[in-house]
Amino acid sequence: MDIHIISIFPEMFDAITKHGVIARAVKQGVVSLRLYNPRDFASDRHSTVDDRPYGGGPGMVMMPDVMAAVLKSALGNAKNDPHVVYLTPQGRRFDYDSAIKFAESSSSQSLVMIAGRYEGIDERFIEHYVDSEWSVGDFVLSGGELPAMIMVDAITRLLPDSLGNSQSAEQDSFVDGILDCPHYTRPEQFEGESVPAVLLSGDHRAIERWRVKQALGRTWQRRPDLLNAKQLNAEQLQLLEEFKSETGEQ
């Protein structure tokens, strides 16, 4: 996947390009990631990228001419048909299905991400150059860098060969529209609590049934909205009822 990120703080992305899944994906050639600093494209000696908003008000606005210059550089380096994304609280909510769509188009489409700062970017630039606007939640952050990292991480782990175990992504939360089940490892006893006996039984069918039951129950407890949007089959409904009965919750 070919990714280009525009940010006035490109060093922030060391957190993902030098560590973990994305660093491994870059090293293996699964992902190509290039960073651009708008200050390098400013025309004055102070490397100014923002100015006061017309009409008054607090904060500063990123200048359209500087942003257009840095974006054109990124577009010129794109290997495939570029899709320009602007990270903003006003954007569409990014979720698992969104990550899947970006991952599916990764072989034919370069992703150019713009991390805004201050009060945002001049609207004329957005209207002229941006293909889609995305948000990671209904809250305001200091800039678009963290949302960009979240999107890159979520998309990258869905790419073939990006994870050490190909089944890891398939078993994540939200893959089947519900949350993941609880997981356990050694030691068998920890602070008076034991690993559920079924996981030690060696009965793979019973283990799988337990995991589905726990996943459904956890989703019902924590994210009932996900279940409301999902059509459960007869077996899933039975497992959910068993979970409620076993936990004494209704």
C-alpha atoms as a PDB file:
ATOM      1  CA  MET A   1       0.000   0.000   0.000  1.00  0.00           C
ATOM      2  CA  ASP A   2       1.275   3.422  -0.983  1.00  0.00           C
ATOM      3  CA  ILE A   3       0.690   6.042   1.753  1.00  0.00           C
ATOM      4  CA  HIS A   4       1.680   9.714   1.847  1.00  0.00           C
ATOM      5  CA  ILE A   5       1.109  11.833   4.970  1.00  0.00           C
ATOM      6  CA  ILE A   6       1.232  15.626   5.211  1.00  0.00           C
ATOM      7  CA  SER A   7       1.923  17.014   8.690  1.00  0.00           C
ATOM      8  CA  ILE A   8       3.807  19.889  10.314  1.00  0.00           C
ATOM      9  CA  PHE A   9       4.977  17.338  12.892  1.00  0.00           C
ATOM     10  CA  PRO A  10       6.241  14.426  10.772  1.00  0.00           C
ATOM     11  CA  GLU A  11       8.435  13.191  13.620  1.00  0.00           C
ATOM     12  CA  MET A  12       5.278  12.135  15.470  1.00  0.00           C
ATOM     13  CA  PHE A  13       4.919   9.284  13.002  1.00  0.00           C
ATOM     14  CA  ASP A  14       8.062   7.626  14.329  1.00  0.00           C
ATOM     15  CA  ALA A  15       5.650   6.056  16.817  1.00  0.00           C
ATOM     16  CA  ILE A  16       4.237   3.834  14.070  1.00  0.00           C
ATOM     17  CA  THR A  17       6.964   3.693  11.420  1.00  0.00           C
ATOM     18  CA  LYS A  18       9.653   2.502  13.823  1.00  0.00           C
ATOM     19  CA  HIS A  19       7.632   0.154  16.005  1.00  0.00           C
ATOM     20  CA  GLY A  20       5.144  -2.702  15.758  1.00  0.00           C
ATOM     21  CA  VAL A  21       2.992  -3.899  12.892  1.00  0.00           C
ATOM     22  CA  ILE A  22       3.440  -0.900  10.598  1.00  0.00           C
ATOM     23  CA  ALA A  23       7.219  -0.848  10.999  1.00  0.00           C
ATOM     24  CA  ARG A  24       7.299  -4.540  10.032  1.00  0.00           C
ATOM     25  CA  ALA A  25       4.975  -3.909   7.090  1.00  0.00           C
ATOM     26  CA  VAL A  26       7.226  -1.096   5.860  1.00  0.00           C
ATOM     27  CA  LYS A  27      10.334  -3.239   6.228  1.00  0.00           C
ATOM     28  CA  GLN A  28       8.707  -6.100   4.316  1.00  0.00           C
ATOM     29  CA  GLY A  29       7.487  -3.805   1.556  1.00  0.00           C
ATOM     30  CA  VAL A  30       3.810  -4.360   2.316  1.00  0.00           C
ATOM     31  CA  VAL A  31       3.459  -0.624   2.988  1.00  0.00           C
ATOM     32  CA  SER A  32       5.296   2.347   1.535  1.00  0.00           C
ATOM     33  CA  LEU A  33       4.951   5.416   3.755  1.00  0.00           C
ATOM     34  CA  ARG A  34       6.301   8.869   2.971  1.00  0.00           C
ATOM     35  CA  LEU A  35       6.007  12.050   5.057  1.00  0.00           C
ATOM     36  CA  TYR A  36       5.827  15.700   3.969  1.00  0.00           C
ATOM     37  CA  ASN A  37       6.159  18.853   6.089  1.00  0.00           C
ATOM     38  CA  PRO A  38       4.218  21.889   4.775  1.00  0.00           C
ATOM     39  CA  ARG A  39       6.856  24.179   6.290  1.00  0.00           C
ATOM     40  CA  ASP A  40       9.274  22.937   3.653  1.00  0.00           C
ATOM     41  CA  PHE A  41       6.981  24.431   1.006  1.00  0.00           C
ATOM     42  CA  ALA A  42       6.366  27.837   2.626  1.00  0.00           C
ATOM     43  CA  SER A  43       7.596  30.862   0.654  1.00  0.00           C
ATOM     44  CA  ASP A  44       8.826  33.128   3.484  1.00  0.00           C
ATOM     45  CA  ARG A  45      11.923  32.868   5.667  1.00  0.00           C
ATOM     46  CA  HIS A  46       9.832  31.989   8.727  1.00  0.00           C
ATOM     47  CA  SER A  47       8.298  28.928   7.008  1.00  0.00           C
ATOM     48  CA  THR A  48       4.809  30.224   7.768  1.00  0.00           C
ATOM     49  CA  VAL A  49       1.964  27.791   7.144  1.00  0.00           C
ATOM     50  CA  ASP A  50      -0.938  29.577   8.857  1.00  0.00           C
ATOM     51  CA  ASP A  51      -2.537  33.012   9.159  1.00  0.00           C
ATOM     52  CA  ARG A  52      -5.389  34.780  10.956  1.00  0.00           C
ATOM     53  CA  PRO A  53      -8.919  33.951   9.748  1.00  0.00           C
ATOM     54  CA  TYR A  54     -10.859  36.467   7.687  1.00  0.00           C
ATOM     55  CA  GLY A  55     -13.810  37.784   9.652  1.00  0.00           C
ATOM     56  CA  GLY A  56     -11.943  37.544  12.948  1.00  0.00           C
ATOM     57  CA  GLY A  57     -12.116  34.918  15.641  1.00  0.00           C
ATOM     58  CA  PRO A  58      -9.668  32.836  17.656  1.00  0.00           C
ATOM     59  CA  GLY A  59      -6.999  30.566  16.282  1.00  0.00           C
ATOM     60  CA  MET A  60      -5.193  30.377  12.978  1.00  0.00           C
ATOM     61  CA  VAL A  61      -6.028  28.776   9.638  1.00  0.00           C
ATOM     62  CA  MET A  62      -3.625  26.786   7.464  1.00  0.00           C
ATOM     63  CA  MET A  63      -2.912  28.650   4.216  1.00  0.00           C
ATOM     64  CA  PRO A  64      -4.291  27.157   0.980  1.00  0.00           C
ATOM     65  CA  ASP A  65      -1.312  28.036  -1.233  1.00  0.00           C
ATOM     66  CA  VAL A  66       1.194  26.320   1.068  1.00  0.00           C
ATOM     67  CA  MET A  67      -1.031  23.278   1.463  1.00  0.00           C
ATOM     68  CA  ALA A  68      -1.562  23.072  -2.298  1.00  0.00           C
ATOM     69  CA  ALA A  69       2.199  23.126  -2.864  1.00  0.00           C
ATOM     70  CA  VAL A  70       2.926  20.287  -0.454  1.00  0.00           C
ATOM     71  CA  LEU A  71      -0.027  18.264  -1.700  1.00  0.00           C
ATOM     72  CA  LYS A  72       1.105  18.551  -5.318  1.00  0.00           C
ATOM     73  CA  SER A  73       4.479  17.161  -4.262  1.00  0.00           C
ATOM     74  CA  ALA A  74       2.773  14.191  -2.599  1.00  0.00           C
ATOM     75  CA  LEU A  75       0.511  13.621  -5.598  1.00  0.00           C
ATOM     76  CA  GLY A  76       3.529  13.660  -7.873  1.00  0.00           C
ATOM     77  CA  ASN A  77       5.096  10.839  -5.849  1.00  0.00           C
ATOM     78  CA  ALA A  78       1.943   8.715  -5.652  1.00  0.00           C
ATOM     79  CA  LYS A  79       2.394   5.330  -7.293  1.00  0.00           C
ATOM     80  CA  ASN A  80      -1.292   4.777  -8.035  1.00  0.00           C
ATOM     81  CA  ASP A  81      -4.468   6.796  -8.461  1.00  0.00           C
ATOM     82  CA  PRO A  82      -4.380   9.036  -5.340  1.00  0.00           C
ATOM     83  CA  HIS A  83      -7.237   9.438  -2.891  1.00  0.00           C
ATOM     84  CA  VAL A  84      -6.820  12.568  -0.736  1.00  0.00           C
ATOM     85  CA  VAL A  85      -8.071  12.283   2.847  1.00  0.00           C
ATOM     86  CA  TYR A  86      -8.397  15.174   5.283  1.00  0.00           C
ATOM     87  CA  LEU A  87      -8.524  14.301   8.995  1.00  0.00           C
ATOM     88  CA  THR A  88     -11.068  16.549  10.692  1.00  0.00           C
ATOM     89  CA  PRO A  89     -13.728  16.354  13.471  1.00  0.00           C
ATOM     90  CA  GLN A  90     -16.247  17.294  10.768  1.00  0.00           C
ATOM     91  CA  GLY A  91     -15.491  14.174   8.739  1.00  0.00           C
ATOM     92  CA  ARG A  92     -17.288  10.867   8.371  1.00  0.00           C
ATOM     93  CA  ARG A  93     -16.759   8.443  11.263  1.00  0.00           C
ATOM     94  CA  PHE A  94     -13.969   5.955  10.509  1.00  0.00           C
ATOM     95  CA  ASP A  95     -14.843   2.386  11.493  1.00  0.00           C
ATOM     96  CA  TYR A  96     -13.952  -1.223  10.718  1.00  0.00           C
ATOM     97  CA  ASP A  97     -15.928  -1.329   7.474  1.00  0.00           C
ATOM     98  CA  SER A  98     -14.135   1.829   6.348  1.00  0.00           C
ATOM     99  CA  ALA A  99     -10.768   0.226   7.063  1.00  0.00           C
ATOM    100  CA  ILE A 100     -11.763  -2.807   4.988  1.00  0.00           C
ATOM    101  CA  LYS A 101     -12.685  -0.637   1.997  1.00  0.00           C
ATOM    102  CA  PHE A 102      -9.397   1.256   2.137  1.00  0.00           C
ATOM    103  CA  ALA A 103      -7.468  -2.014   2.440  1.00  0.00           C
ATOM    104  CA  GLU A 104      -9.353  -3.552  -0.499  1.00  0.00           C
ATOM    105  CA  SER A 105      -8.455  -0.594  -2.726  1.00  0.00           C
ATOM    106  CA  SER A 106      -4.820  -0.475  -1.590  1.00  0.00           C
ATOM    107  CA  SER A 107      -3.429  -2.186  -4.691  1.00  0.00           C
ATOM    108  CA  SER A 108      -4.982   0.323  -7.086  1.00  0.00           C
ATOM    109  CA  GLN A 109      -5.120   3.484  -5.004  1.00  0.00           C
ATOM    110  CA  SER A 110      -2.514   5.584  -3.200  1.00  0.00           C
ATOM    111  CA  LEU A 111      -3.663   7.142   0.059  1.00  0.00           C
ATOM    112  CA  VAL A 112      -2.700  10.774   0.693  1.00  0.00           C
ATOM    113  CA  MET A 113      -3.568  11.889   4.221  1.00  0.00           C
ATOM    114  CA  ILE A 114      -3.600  15.491   5.432  1.00  0.00           C
ATOM    115  CA  ALA A 115      -3.253  16.104   9.172  1.00  0.00           C
ATOM    116  CA  GLY A 116      -4.699  19.534   9.841  1.00  0.00           C
ATOM    117  CA  ARG A 117      -3.772  21.804  12.744  1.00  0.00           C
ATOM    118  CA  TYR A 118      -5.027  25.008  14.396  1.00  0.00           C
ATOM    119  CA  GLU A 119      -8.581  25.904  13.288  1.00  0.00           C
ATOM    120  CA  GLY A 120      -8.232  23.788  10.159  1.00  0.00           C
ATOM    121  CA  ILE A 121      -7.409  24.464   6.502  1.00  0.00           C
ATOM    122  CA  ASP A 122      -8.765  27.172   4.227  1.00  0.00           C
ATOM    123  CA  GLU A 123     -12.058  25.850   2.859  1.00  0.00           C
ATOM    124  CA  ARG A 124     -11.083  26.622  -0.726  1.00  0.00           C
ATOM    125  CA  PHE A 125      -8.254  24.111  -0.520  1.00  0.00           C
ATOM    126  CA  ILE A 126     -10.598  21.457   0.890  1.00  0.00           C
ATOM    127  CA  GLU A 127     -13.193  21.996  -1.824  1.00  0.00           C
ATOM    128  CA  HIS A 128     -10.592  21.881  -4.584  1.00  0.00           C
ATOM    129  CA  TYR A 129      -8.307  19.053  -3.504  1.00  0.00           C
ATOM    130  CA  VAL A 130      -9.839  16.809  -0.827  1.00  0.00           C
ATOM    131  CA  ASP A 131     -11.662  13.637  -1.882  1.00  0.00           C
ATOM    132  CA  SER A 132     -13.025  12.640   1.538  1.00  0.00           C
ATOM    133  CA  GLU A 133     -12.992  13.861   5.135  1.00  0.00           C
ATOM    134  CA  TRP A 134     -12.678  11.454   8.059  1.00  0.00           C
ATOM    135  CA  SER A 135     -12.951  11.567  11.845  1.00  0.00           C
ATOM    136  CA  VAL A 136     -12.077   8.940  14.462  1.00  0.00           C
ATOM    137  CA  GLY A 137     -14.681  10.108  16.989  1.00  0.00           C
ATOM    138  CA  ASP A 138     -16.916  12.874  18.245  1.00  0.00           C
ATOM    139  CA  PHE A 139     -14.199  14.828  20.020  1.00  0.00           C
ATOM    140  CA  VAL A 140     -11.546  17.390  19.145  1.00  0.00           C
ATOM    141  CA  LEU A 141      -7.804  16.669  19.131  1.00  0.00           C
ATOM    142  CA  SER A 142      -4.888  19.061  18.738  1.00  0.00           C
ATOM    143  CA  GLY A 143      -4.320  17.895  15.183  1.00  0.00           C
ATOM    144  CA  GLY A 144      -4.891  15.186  12.628  1.00  0.00           C
ATOM    145  CA  GLU A 145      -1.715  13.238  13.343  1.00  0.00           C
ATOM    146  CA  LEU A 146      -3.201  10.789  15.847  1.00  0.00           C
ATOM    147  CA  PRO A 147      -6.287  10.089  13.686  1.00  0.00           C
ATOM    148  CA  ALA A 148      -3.983   9.493  10.713  1.00  0.00           C
ATOM    149  CA  MET A 149      -1.969   6.993  12.756  1.00  0.00           C
ATOM    150  CA  ILE A 150      -5.141   5.224  13.829  1.00  0.00           C
ATOM    151  CA  MET A 151      -6.362   4.926  10.256  1.00  0.00           C
ATOM    152  CA  VAL A 152      -3.001   3.718   8.944  1.00  0.00           C
ATOM    153  CA  ASP A 153      -2.739   1.115  11.712  1.00  0.00           C
ATOM    154  CA  ALA A 154      -6.296  -0.162  11.227  1.00  0.00           C
ATOM    155  CA  ILE A 155      -5.878  -0.407   7.450  1.00  0.00           C
ATOM    156  CA  THR A 156      -2.379  -1.904   7.504  1.00  0.00           C
ATOM    157  CA  ARG A 157      -3.299  -4.825   9.759  1.00  0.00           C
ATOM    158  CA  LEU A 158      -5.906  -5.863   7.186  1.00  0.00           C
ATOM    159  CA  LEU A 159      -3.377  -6.081   4.362  1.00  0.00           C
ATOM    160  CA  PRO A 160      -2.108  -9.538   3.367  1.00  0.00           C
ATOM    161  CA  ASP A 161       1.200 -10.440   5.047  1.00  0.00           C
ATOM    162  CA  SER A 162       1.123  -7.448   7.417  1.00  0.00           C
ATOM    163  CA  LEU A 163       0.551  -9.579  10.540  1.00  0.00           C
ATOM    164  CA  GLY A 164       2.710 -12.453  11.729  1.00  0.00           C
ATOM    165  CA  ASN A 165      -0.383 -14.665  11.991  1.00  0.00           C
ATOM    166  CA  SER A 166      -2.882 -14.328   9.153  1.00  0.00           C
ATOM    167  CA  GLN A 167      -5.718 -15.317  11.493  1.00  0.00           C
ATOM    168  CA  SER A 168      -5.069 -12.466  13.937  1.00  0.00           C
ATOM    169  CA  ALA A 169      -7.038  -9.882  11.947  1.00  0.00           C
ATOM    170  CA  GLU A 170      -9.798 -12.395  11.246  1.00  0.00           C
ATOM    171  CA  GLN A 171     -10.405 -12.842  14.971  1.00  0.00           C
ATOM    172  CA  ASP A 172     -10.357  -9.162  15.967  1.00  0.00           C
ATOM    173  CA  SER A 173     -13.321  -7.340  17.442  1.00  0.00           C
ATOM    174  CA  PHE A 174     -15.874  -6.078  14.866  1.00  0.00           C
ATOM    175  CA  VAL A 175     -14.822  -8.622  12.208  1.00  0.00           C
ATOM    176  CA  ASP A 176     -18.199 -10.351  12.503  1.00  0.00           C
ATOM    177  CA  GLY A 177     -19.977  -7.256  13.752  1.00  0.00           C
ATOM    178  CA  ILE A 178     -19.446  -8.115  17.429  1.00  0.00           C
ATOM    179  CA  LEU A 179     -16.743  -7.680  20.042  1.00  0.00           C
ATOM    180  CA  ASP A 180     -13.990 -10.214  20.622  1.00  0.00           C
ATOM    181  CA  CYS A 181     -14.151 -12.901  23.316  1.00  0.00           C
ATOM    182  CA  PRO A 182     -11.839 -12.813  26.382  1.00  0.00           C
ATOM    183  CA  HIS A 183      -8.410 -14.413  26.051  1.00  0.00           C
ATOM    184  CA  TYR A 184      -6.176 -16.272  28.535  1.00  0.00           C
ATOM    185  CA  THR A 185      -2.591 -17.477  28.698  1.00  0.00           C
ATOM    186  CA  ARG A 186      -0.119 -18.851  31.286  1.00  0.00           C
ATOM    187  CA  PRO A 187      -0.031 -19.130  34.232  1.00  0.00           C
ATOM    188  CA  GLU A 188      -3.090 -21.316  34.677  1.00  0.00           C
ATOM    189  CA  GLN A 189      -3.674 -19.771  38.125  1.00  0.00           C
ATOM    190  CA  PHE A 190      -3.421 -15.996  38.640  1.00  0.00           C
ATOM    191  CA  GLU A 191      -4.359 -14.214  41.880  1.00  0.00           C
ATOM    192  CA  GLY A 192      -6.873 -16.926  42.776  1.00  0.00           C
ATOM    193  CA  GLU A 193      -8.497 -17.014  39.342  1.00  0.00           C
ATOM    194  CA  SER A 194      -8.295 -20.012  37.005  1.00  0.00           C
ATOM    195  CA  VAL A 195      -8.393 -20.211  33.255  1.00  0.00           C
ATOM    196  CA  PRO A 196     -11.910 -21.348  32.176  1.00  0.00           C
ATOM    197  CA  ALA A 197     -11.898 -25.141  32.180  1.00  0.00           C
ATOM    198  CA  VAL A 198     -13.269 -25.416  28.646  1.00  0.00           C
ATOM    199  CA  LEU A 199     -10.103 -23.804  27.264  1.00  0.00           C
ATOM    200  CA  LEU A 200      -8.035 -26.577  28.835  1.00  0.00           C
ATOM    201  CA  SER A 201     -10.301 -29.393  27.640  1.00  0.00           C
ATOM    202  CA  GLY A 202      -8.846 -29.881  24.169  1.00  0.00           C
ATOM    203  CA  ASP A 203     -12.397 -30.043  22.798  1.00  0.00           C
ATOM    204  CA  HIS A 204     -12.112 -27.615  19.891  1.00  0.00           C
ATOM    205  CA  ARG A 205     -15.826 -27.572  19.137  1.00  0.00           C
ATOM    206  CA  ALA A 206     -16.656 -26.751  22.773  1.00  0.00           C
ATOM    207  CA  ILE A 207     -13.952 -24.075  22.818  1.00  0.00           C
ATOM    208  CA  GLU A 208     -15.274 -22.424  19.687  1.00  0.00           C
ATOM    209  CA  ARG A 209     -18.816 -22.508  21.065  1.00  0.00           C
ATOM    210  CA  TRP A 210     -17.610 -20.925  24.326  1.00  0.00           C
ATOM    211  CA  ARG A 211     -15.764 -18.180  22.453  1.00  0.00           C
ATOM    212  CA  VAL A 212     -18.802 -17.294  20.357  1.00  0.00           C
ATOM    213  CA  LYS A 213     -20.991 -17.259  23.474  1.00  0.00           C
ATOM    214  CA  GLN A 214     -18.572 -14.968  25.318  1.00  0.00           C
ATOM    215  CA  ALA A 215     -18.225 -12.661  22.320  1.00  0.00           C
ATOM    216  CA  LEU A 216     -22.003 -12.332  21.999  1.00  0.00           C
ATOM    217  CA  GLY A 217     -22.403 -11.813  25.742  1.00  0.00           C
ATOM    218  CA  ARG A 218     -19.665  -9.205  25.916  1.00  0.00           C
ATOM    219  CA  THR A 219     -21.206  -7.345  23.001  1.00  0.00           C
ATOM    220  CA  TRP A 220     -24.632  -7.473  24.663  1.00  0.00           C
ATOM    221  CA  GLN A 221     -23.145  -6.064  27.886  1.00  0.00           C
ATOM    222  CA  ARG A 222     -20.907  -3.386  26.403  1.00  0.00           C
ATOM    223  CA  ARG A 223     -22.153  -2.526  22.898  1.00  0.00           C
ATOM    224  CA  PRO A 224     -25.804  -3.526  22.548  1.00  0.00           C
ATOM    225  CA  ASP A 225     -26.044  -1.184  19.586  1.00  0.00           C
ATOM    226  CA  LEU A 226     -23.912  -3.624  17.590  1.00  0.00           C
ATOM    227  CA  LEU A 227     -26.327  -6.475  18.289  1.00  0.00           C
ATOM    228  CA  ASN A 228     -29.286  -4.298  17.341  1.00  0.00           C
ATOM    229  CA  ALA A 229     -27.703  -3.843  13.920  1.00  0.00           C
ATOM    230  CA  LYS A 230     -26.930  -7.551  13.478  1.00  0.00           C
ATOM    231  CA  GLN A 231     -29.281 -10.375  12.533  1.00  0.00           C
ATOM    232  CA  LEU A 232     -28.452 -13.278  14.855  1.00  0.00           C
ATOM    233  CA  ASN A 233     -29.125 -16.823  13.720  1.00  0.00           C
ATOM    234  CA  ALA A 234     -30.858 -19.431  15.889  1.00  0.00           C
ATOM    235  CA  GLU A 235     -27.615 -20.810  17.322  1.00  0.00           C
ATOM    236  CA  GLN A 236     -26.315 -17.356  18.208  1.00  0.00           C
ATOM    237  CA  LEU A 237     -29.601 -16.454  19.900  1.00  0.00           C
ATOM    238  CA  GLN A 238     -29.400 -19.655  21.945  1.00  0.00           C
ATOM    239  CA  LEU A 239     -25.799 -18.937  22.979  1.00  0.00           C
ATOM    240  CA  LEU A 240     -26.711 -15.411  24.015  1.00  0.00           C
ATOM    241  CA  GLU A 241     -29.583 -16.697  26.132  1.00  0.00           C
ATOM    242  CA  GLU A 242     -27.231 -19.222  27.754  1.00  0.00           C
ATOM    243  CA  PHE A 243     -24.798 -16.398  28.552  1.00  0.00           C
ATOM    244  CA  LYS A 244     -27.547 -14.340  30.175  1.00  0.00           C
ATOM    245  CA  SER A 245     -28.699 -17.345  32.202  1.00  0.00           C
ATOM    246  CA  GLU A 246     -25.171 -18.246  33.328  1.00  0.00           C
ATOM    247  CA  THR A 247     -24.388 -14.678  34.389  1.00  0.00           C
ATOM    248  CA  GLY A 248     -27.791 -14.043  35.967  1.00  0.00           C
ATOM    249  CA  GLU A 249     -28.353 -11.019  33.721  1.00  0.00           C
ATOM    250  CA  GLN A 250     -31.384 -10.291  31.596  1.00  0.00           C
END
